[in-house]
Protein backbone atom coordinates (compact mmCIF):
# COMPACT_ATOMS: atom_id res chain seq x y z
CA MET A 1 -10.56 34.88 -45.82
CA VAL A 2 -9.05 35.87 -48.73
CA GLU A 3 -6.47 32.96 -48.96
CA GLN A 4 -9.29 30.70 -48.06
CA ILE A 5 -11.44 31.93 -50.93
CA THR A 6 -8.91 31.35 -53.13
CA MET A 7 -7.73 27.95 -51.92
CA ALA A 8 -11.63 27.00 -52.37
CA PHE A 9 -11.30 28.83 -56.03
CA ILE A 10 -8.84 26.67 -56.95
CA ASN A 11 -10.06 23.18 -54.97
CA GLY A 12 -13.28 24.01 -56.18
CA ILE A 13 -12.04 24.50 -60.23
CA LEU A 14 -10.10 20.85 -59.20
CA LEU A 15 -12.89 19.33 -57.71
CA GLY A 16 -15.08 20.20 -61.01
CA GLY A 17 -12.76 18.43 -63.07
CA VAL A 18 -14.25 15.17 -61.45
CA LEU A 19 -17.58 16.39 -61.59
CA ALA A 20 -17.38 17.02 -65.37
CA LEU A 21 -16.13 13.44 -65.78
CA LEU A 22 -18.92 12.32 -63.34
CA ALA A 23 -21.07 14.28 -65.62
CA PHE A 24 -20.49 13.18 -69.09
CA GLY A 25 -21.10 9.78 -68.24
CA LEU A 26 -24.94 10.53 -66.97
CA ASN A 27 -25.21 12.66 -69.83
CA LEU A 28 -23.77 10.26 -72.64
CA ILE A 29 -25.85 7.93 -71.66
CA PHE A 30 -28.87 10.09 -71.24
CA GLY A 31 -28.27 11.28 -75.34
CA VAL A 32 -27.44 7.81 -76.81
CA VAL A 33 -30.02 5.78 -75.25
CA LYS A 34 -32.27 8.98 -73.77
CA ILE A 35 -32.71 7.34 -70.69
CA ILE A 36 -32.07 8.85 -67.10
CA HIS A 37 -29.53 7.04 -65.30
CA MET A 38 -31.05 7.51 -61.47
CA ALA A 39 -28.44 5.20 -59.98
CA TYR A 40 -25.43 6.46 -61.53
CA GLY A 41 -24.18 8.27 -58.00
CA GLN A 42 -24.58 4.60 -56.67
CA PHE A 43 -22.72 3.28 -59.24
CA VAL A 44 -19.69 5.28 -58.03
CA MET A 45 -20.36 3.97 -54.26
CA LEU A 46 -20.17 0.43 -55.78
CA GLY A 47 -17.07 0.25 -57.47
CA PHE A 48 -15.91 2.48 -54.45
CA TYR A 49 -16.25 -0.34 -52.78
CA LEU A 50 -14.85 -2.82 -55.27
CA ILE A 51 -11.94 -0.76 -55.57
CA TYR A 52 -11.50 -1.34 -51.67
CA SER A 53 -12.16 -5.60 -52.36
CA PHE A 54 -10.44 -5.99 -54.55
CA HIS A 55 -7.03 -3.60 -52.50
CA ALA A 56 -8.23 -4.00 -48.49
CA THR A 57 -9.34 -7.37 -49.04
CA MET A 58 -8.08 -9.54 -51.45
CA GLY A 59 -4.34 -7.91 -51.48
CA VAL A 60 -4.16 -7.02 -54.70
CA PRO A 61 -1.79 -3.69 -55.54
CA LEU A 62 -3.84 -0.55 -55.61
CA PRO A 63 -3.43 0.63 -59.47
CA ALA A 64 -4.04 -3.51 -60.67
CA ALA A 65 -7.67 -2.85 -58.04
CA MET A 66 -9.04 0.55 -59.39
CA ALA A 67 -8.37 -1.66 -63.17
CA LEU A 68 -10.40 -4.54 -62.38
CA GLY A 69 -13.06 -1.89 -60.61
CA VAL A 70 -13.10 0.12 -63.49
CA LEU A 71 -13.44 -3.64 -65.55
CA SER A 72 -16.22 -4.85 -63.34
CA MET A 73 -18.22 -1.42 -63.63
CA ALA A 74 -17.70 -2.02 -67.27
CA ILE A 75 -19.74 -5.32 -66.87
CA LEU A 76 -22.02 -4.62 -64.78
CA GLY A 77 -23.21 -1.40 -67.06
CA ILE A 78 -23.78 -3.82 -69.74
CA PHE A 79 -25.45 -6.70 -67.39
CA THR A 80 -27.53 -3.17 -65.95
CA GLN A 81 -28.85 -2.75 -69.91
CA LEU A 82 -29.42 -6.35 -70.75
CA LEU A 83 -31.94 -6.78 -67.79
CA LEU A 84 -33.04 -3.33 -66.82
CA ILE A 85 -32.59 -0.57 -69.24
CA ARG A 86 -33.03 -3.43 -72.63
CA PRO A 87 -37.13 -4.32 -71.48
CA LEU A 88 -37.48 -0.22 -70.56
CA LEU A 89 -36.78 1.63 -73.53
CA LYS A 90 -40.51 1.91 -74.24
CA ALA A 91 -41.31 2.57 -71.80
CA PRO A 92 -42.98 5.66 -70.89
CA ARG A 93 -40.46 8.16 -68.85
CA LEU A 94 -41.75 7.74 -65.37
CA ASN A 95 -41.93 3.40 -65.56
CA GLN A 96 -38.84 4.50 -66.53
CA LEU A 97 -37.97 6.82 -63.59
CA LEU A 98 -39.89 5.05 -60.94
CA ALA A 99 -38.07 1.47 -62.09
CA LEU A 100 -34.22 3.11 -62.27
CA ALA A 101 -35.04 4.83 -58.73
CA SER A 102 -35.79 1.47 -57.46
CA LEU A 103 -32.47 0.21 -58.39
CA ILE A 104 -30.72 3.07 -56.15
CA ILE A 105 -32.61 0.93 -53.60
CA VAL A 106 -31.35 -2.04 -54.42
CA VAL A 107 -27.91 -1.32 -55.16
CA GLU A 108 -27.99 0.55 -51.44
CA ASN A 109 -28.84 -2.74 -49.90
CA VAL A 110 -27.00 -4.63 -51.51
CA ALA A 111 -24.00 -2.33 -50.03
CA MET A 112 -24.84 -2.62 -46.36
CA MET A 113 -25.31 -6.54 -46.72
CA ILE A 114 -22.08 -7.04 -48.18
CA TRP A 115 -19.90 -4.38 -46.59
CA GLY A 116 -22.55 -3.23 -43.64
CA ALA A 117 -22.81 0.68 -42.46
CA ASP A 118 -19.16 1.49 -41.37
CA TYR A 119 -16.96 3.84 -43.52
CA ARG A 120 -14.24 2.22 -45.43
CA GLY A 121 -11.40 4.06 -47.01
CA ILE A 122 -7.77 2.75 -48.34
CA PRO A 123 -5.24 5.27 -46.33
CA LEU A 124 -3.34 6.89 -48.60
CA ALA A 125 -0.12 9.88 -47.47
CA LEU A 126 -0.49 12.22 -50.46
CA PRO A 127 1.51 15.35 -49.84
CA ILE A 128 0.20 19.09 -49.38
CA ILE A 129 1.28 21.44 -52.22
CA GLN A 130 2.00 24.52 -51.19
CA VAL A 131 2.08 27.81 -53.17
CA GLY A 132 3.12 31.00 -50.74
CA GLU A 133 -0.04 31.19 -48.65
CA VAL A 134 -1.87 28.35 -51.07
CA PHE A 135 -2.49 25.42 -50.02
CA ILE A 136 -3.69 22.48 -51.98
CA ARG A 137 -4.36 18.79 -52.30
CA SER A 138 -2.06 16.79 -54.38
CA SER A 139 -5.21 13.76 -54.35
CA TYR A 140 -7.44 16.90 -56.27
CA LEU A 141 -4.80 18.15 -58.29
CA MET A 142 -4.11 14.15 -59.29
CA ALA A 143 -7.87 13.58 -59.92
CA PHE A 144 -8.10 16.40 -61.61
CA VAL A 145 -5.71 16.17 -64.35
CA GLY A 146 -6.50 12.00 -64.74
CA ALA A 147 -10.28 13.28 -65.53
CA ILE A 148 -8.82 15.57 -67.76
CA VAL A 149 -6.86 13.04 -69.76
CA VAL A 150 -9.83 11.16 -69.57
CA LEU A 151 -11.92 13.48 -70.92
CA GLY A 152 -9.55 14.11 -73.89
CA LEU A 153 -9.09 10.71 -74.97
CA LEU A 154 -13.44 10.30 -74.98
CA TYR A 155 -13.18 12.61 -76.92
CA VAL A 156 -10.85 11.12 -79.39
CA PHE A 157 -12.79 7.95 -79.27
CA LEU A 158 -15.75 10.29 -80.06
CA ASN A 159 -14.49 11.80 -83.45
CA ARG A 160 -12.46 9.56 -84.54
CA THR A 161 -12.96 6.59 -84.33
CA TYR A 162 -15.49 4.41 -85.78
CA LEU A 163 -17.86 3.35 -83.08
CA GLY A 164 -17.57 6.98 -81.36
CA LEU A 165 -19.08 8.68 -84.45
CA ALA A 166 -21.60 5.59 -84.52
CA ILE A 167 -22.90 6.54 -80.89
CA ARG A 168 -23.03 10.37 -82.11
CA ALA A 169 -25.43 9.29 -85.02
CA VAL A 170 -27.61 7.39 -82.88
CA ALA A 171 -27.44 10.57 -80.19
CA GLN A 172 -27.84 12.72 -83.64
CA ASP A 173 -31.16 10.67 -85.48
CA LEU A 174 -31.57 7.15 -84.64
CA GLU A 175 -33.43 6.43 -87.89
CA MET A 176 -30.84 7.73 -89.95
CA ALA A 177 -28.01 5.89 -88.63
CA GLN A 178 -30.00 2.95 -88.82
CA GLY A 179 -30.75 4.21 -92.05
CA MET A 180 -26.54 4.08 -92.81
CA GLY A 181 -26.17 0.09 -90.60
CA ILE A 182 -25.26 0.99 -87.84
CA ASN A 183 -27.42 -1.52 -85.16
CA PRO A 184 -28.75 1.13 -82.40
CA ALA A 185 -28.64 -2.51 -80.05
CA THR A 186 -25.37 -2.95 -80.46
CA VAL A 187 -24.26 1.26 -79.89
CA TYR A 188 -26.41 1.17 -76.42
CA TYR A 189 -24.65 -2.11 -74.70
CA VAL A 190 -21.19 0.31 -75.92
CA THR A 191 -22.59 3.02 -74.16
CA LEU A 192 -23.91 1.49 -71.05
CA ALA A 193 -20.47 0.25 -70.81
CA ALA A 194 -18.39 2.92 -70.93
CA GLY A 195 -20.30 4.68 -68.41
CA GLY A 196 -19.60 1.91 -65.98
CA ALA A 197 -16.15 2.21 -66.70
CA LEU A 198 -16.96 5.74 -66.03
CA THR A 199 -18.42 5.24 -62.80
CA GLY A 200 -15.11 2.97 -61.41
CA ILE A 201 -12.83 5.54 -62.90
CA VAL A 202 -14.33 8.29 -60.83
CA ALA A 203 -14.46 5.83 -58.13
CA ALA A 204 -10.46 5.60 -58.43
CA PHE A 205 -10.51 8.94 -58.43
CA PHE A 206 -12.59 9.38 -54.84
CA VAL A 207 -10.26 6.80 -53.11
CA PRO A 208 -7.88 9.32 -51.96
CA ILE A 209 -10.01 11.99 -51.21
CA TYR A 210 -12.90 9.86 -49.49
CA THR A 211 -14.16 7.02 -47.52
CA VAL A 212 -16.79 5.50 -48.19
CA HIS A 213 -20.68 4.02 -47.28
CA PRO A 214 -23.71 2.66 -48.57
CA HIS A 215 -25.37 5.96 -49.31
CA PHE A 216 -21.85 7.56 -50.11
CA GLY A 217 -23.58 7.92 -53.90
CA SER A 218 -26.47 10.02 -53.22
CA SER A 219 -25.42 13.18 -53.40
CA PHE A 220 -22.90 12.37 -56.27
CA THR A 221 -26.61 11.42 -57.99
CA ILE A 222 -27.70 15.16 -57.37
CA MET A 223 -24.56 16.47 -58.09
CA ALA A 224 -24.19 15.09 -61.09
CA PHE A 225 -28.15 15.39 -62.15
CA VAL A 226 -28.02 19.65 -61.25
CA ILE A 227 -24.55 19.79 -63.38
CA VAL A 228 -26.15 18.36 -66.22
CA VAL A 229 -29.27 19.47 -66.29
CA LEU A 230 -28.03 23.42 -66.11
CA GLY A 231 -25.27 22.43 -69.10
CA GLY A 232 -28.34 21.13 -71.09
CA MET A 233 -29.09 17.32 -70.49
CA GLY A 234 -27.47 15.77 -73.77
CA ASN A 235 -25.01 18.48 -74.26
CA LEU A 236 -21.57 17.13 -73.25
CA LEU A 237 -19.74 20.20 -73.63
CA GLY A 238 -22.38 22.11 -71.23
CA GLY A 239 -21.97 19.32 -68.74
CA PHE A 240 -18.14 20.23 -69.33
CA ILE A 241 -18.26 23.81 -68.48
CA SER A 242 -21.45 23.42 -65.75
CA ALA A 243 -19.44 21.76 -63.31
CA PHE A 244 -16.73 24.06 -63.33
CA ILE A 245 -19.91 26.24 -62.05
CA ILE A 246 -20.74 24.49 -59.55
CA GLY A 247 -17.35 23.00 -58.47
CA VAL A 248 -16.15 26.23 -57.57
CA ALA A 249 -19.51 28.01 -56.22
CA THR A 250 -19.56 24.89 -53.78
CA SER A 251 -16.60 24.61 -52.70
CA ILE A 252 -15.88 28.65 -52.51
CA THR A 253 -20.10 28.36 -50.27
CA ALA A 254 -18.00 25.80 -47.82
CA VAL A 255 -15.63 27.95 -47.28
CA VAL A 256 -17.46 31.57 -46.63
CA TYR A 257 -20.24 29.84 -44.95
CA SER A 258 -20.89 26.06 -44.70
CA THR A 259 -20.96 22.82 -46.25
CA GLU A 260 -24.31 22.32 -45.63
CA VAL A 261 -25.70 25.70 -47.64
CA ALA A 262 -22.86 24.60 -50.64
CA ASP A 263 -25.39 21.46 -51.07
CA ILE A 264 -28.63 23.99 -50.33
CA LEU A 265 -27.18 26.24 -53.64
CA ALA A 266 -26.55 23.13 -55.91
CA LEU A 267 -30.25 22.69 -55.01
CA VAL A 268 -31.22 26.26 -55.55
CA VAL A 269 -28.92 26.65 -58.96
CA PHE A 270 -31.17 23.15 -60.14
CA VAL A 271 -34.70 24.86 -59.66
CA LEU A 272 -33.98 28.19 -60.83
CA VAL A 273 -32.81 26.55 -64.25
CA MET A 274 -35.69 24.80 -64.43
CA LEU A 275 -37.63 27.50 -64.30
CA ILE A 276 -36.59 30.17 -66.26
CA ARG A 277 -33.79 28.26 -68.88
CA PRO A 278 -34.83 24.23 -68.61
CA GLN A 279 -33.06 23.98 -71.46
CA GLY A 280 -29.88 24.80 -69.76
CA LEU A 281 -27.31 26.49 -70.86
CA LEU A 282 -26.22 25.48 -73.74
CA GLY A 283 -29.40 23.29 -74.12
CA VAL A 284 -31.45 24.05 -77.36
CA ARG A 285 -35.56 24.42 -75.86
CA ALA A 286 -37.11 21.60 -78.23
């Protein structure tokens, strides 16, 4: 049992890195555009399907298929901003939530129409790493390293480039950013493109781990939302920390009890945070 819990802890840390990247995109969109992307997990599912189609159907080499999937999701993010989010920016929050929640149904049914209800996946023979009595899936390790590298690049982008600083300025004070000559509309498009690209990157990391189906994204939408709320809406550091907390907690719970109990635990944590500290771990009470 000790070895199983140790493996669960390590795999939880590795999964936490990918969850941190998943939550980063959702958090970034909320922090800048001030809108909750309810269909974010469904976009990950769509990115997974696109990578599968590029590789399995069109015969594109897997690395190129992943790159095309990321590019396609970035373009889809721009169209989402243009056709759906921009008209909703001044709408009541309830209208925004209902519209983006309806996007979940649209994306899932489009996936059902195109790819059907069968599970689709790309078989990859990746080795299992053994350290003493502990076994680590190399697919988890690769996803973790890749996610940490991407998060590092995003940190550099947001803190060392003009466009990244413009995004942070709009997130912190829209009126002041406009006074400094920053065009919020351009920043919104860049943010949605970056968020869309991140769903494609997460999908690429999920390819060696999961198979995809039309309802694949639902659990990740909930997981990302739990992580974002736990860390504090719009707080990128809080989301990073809470991703590892959720990853480890659910992984160990799945080993000790079951995956169903692990899912329940994540939702219980979400409810408790909303009741006890609604601003999240590192959020500021409004």
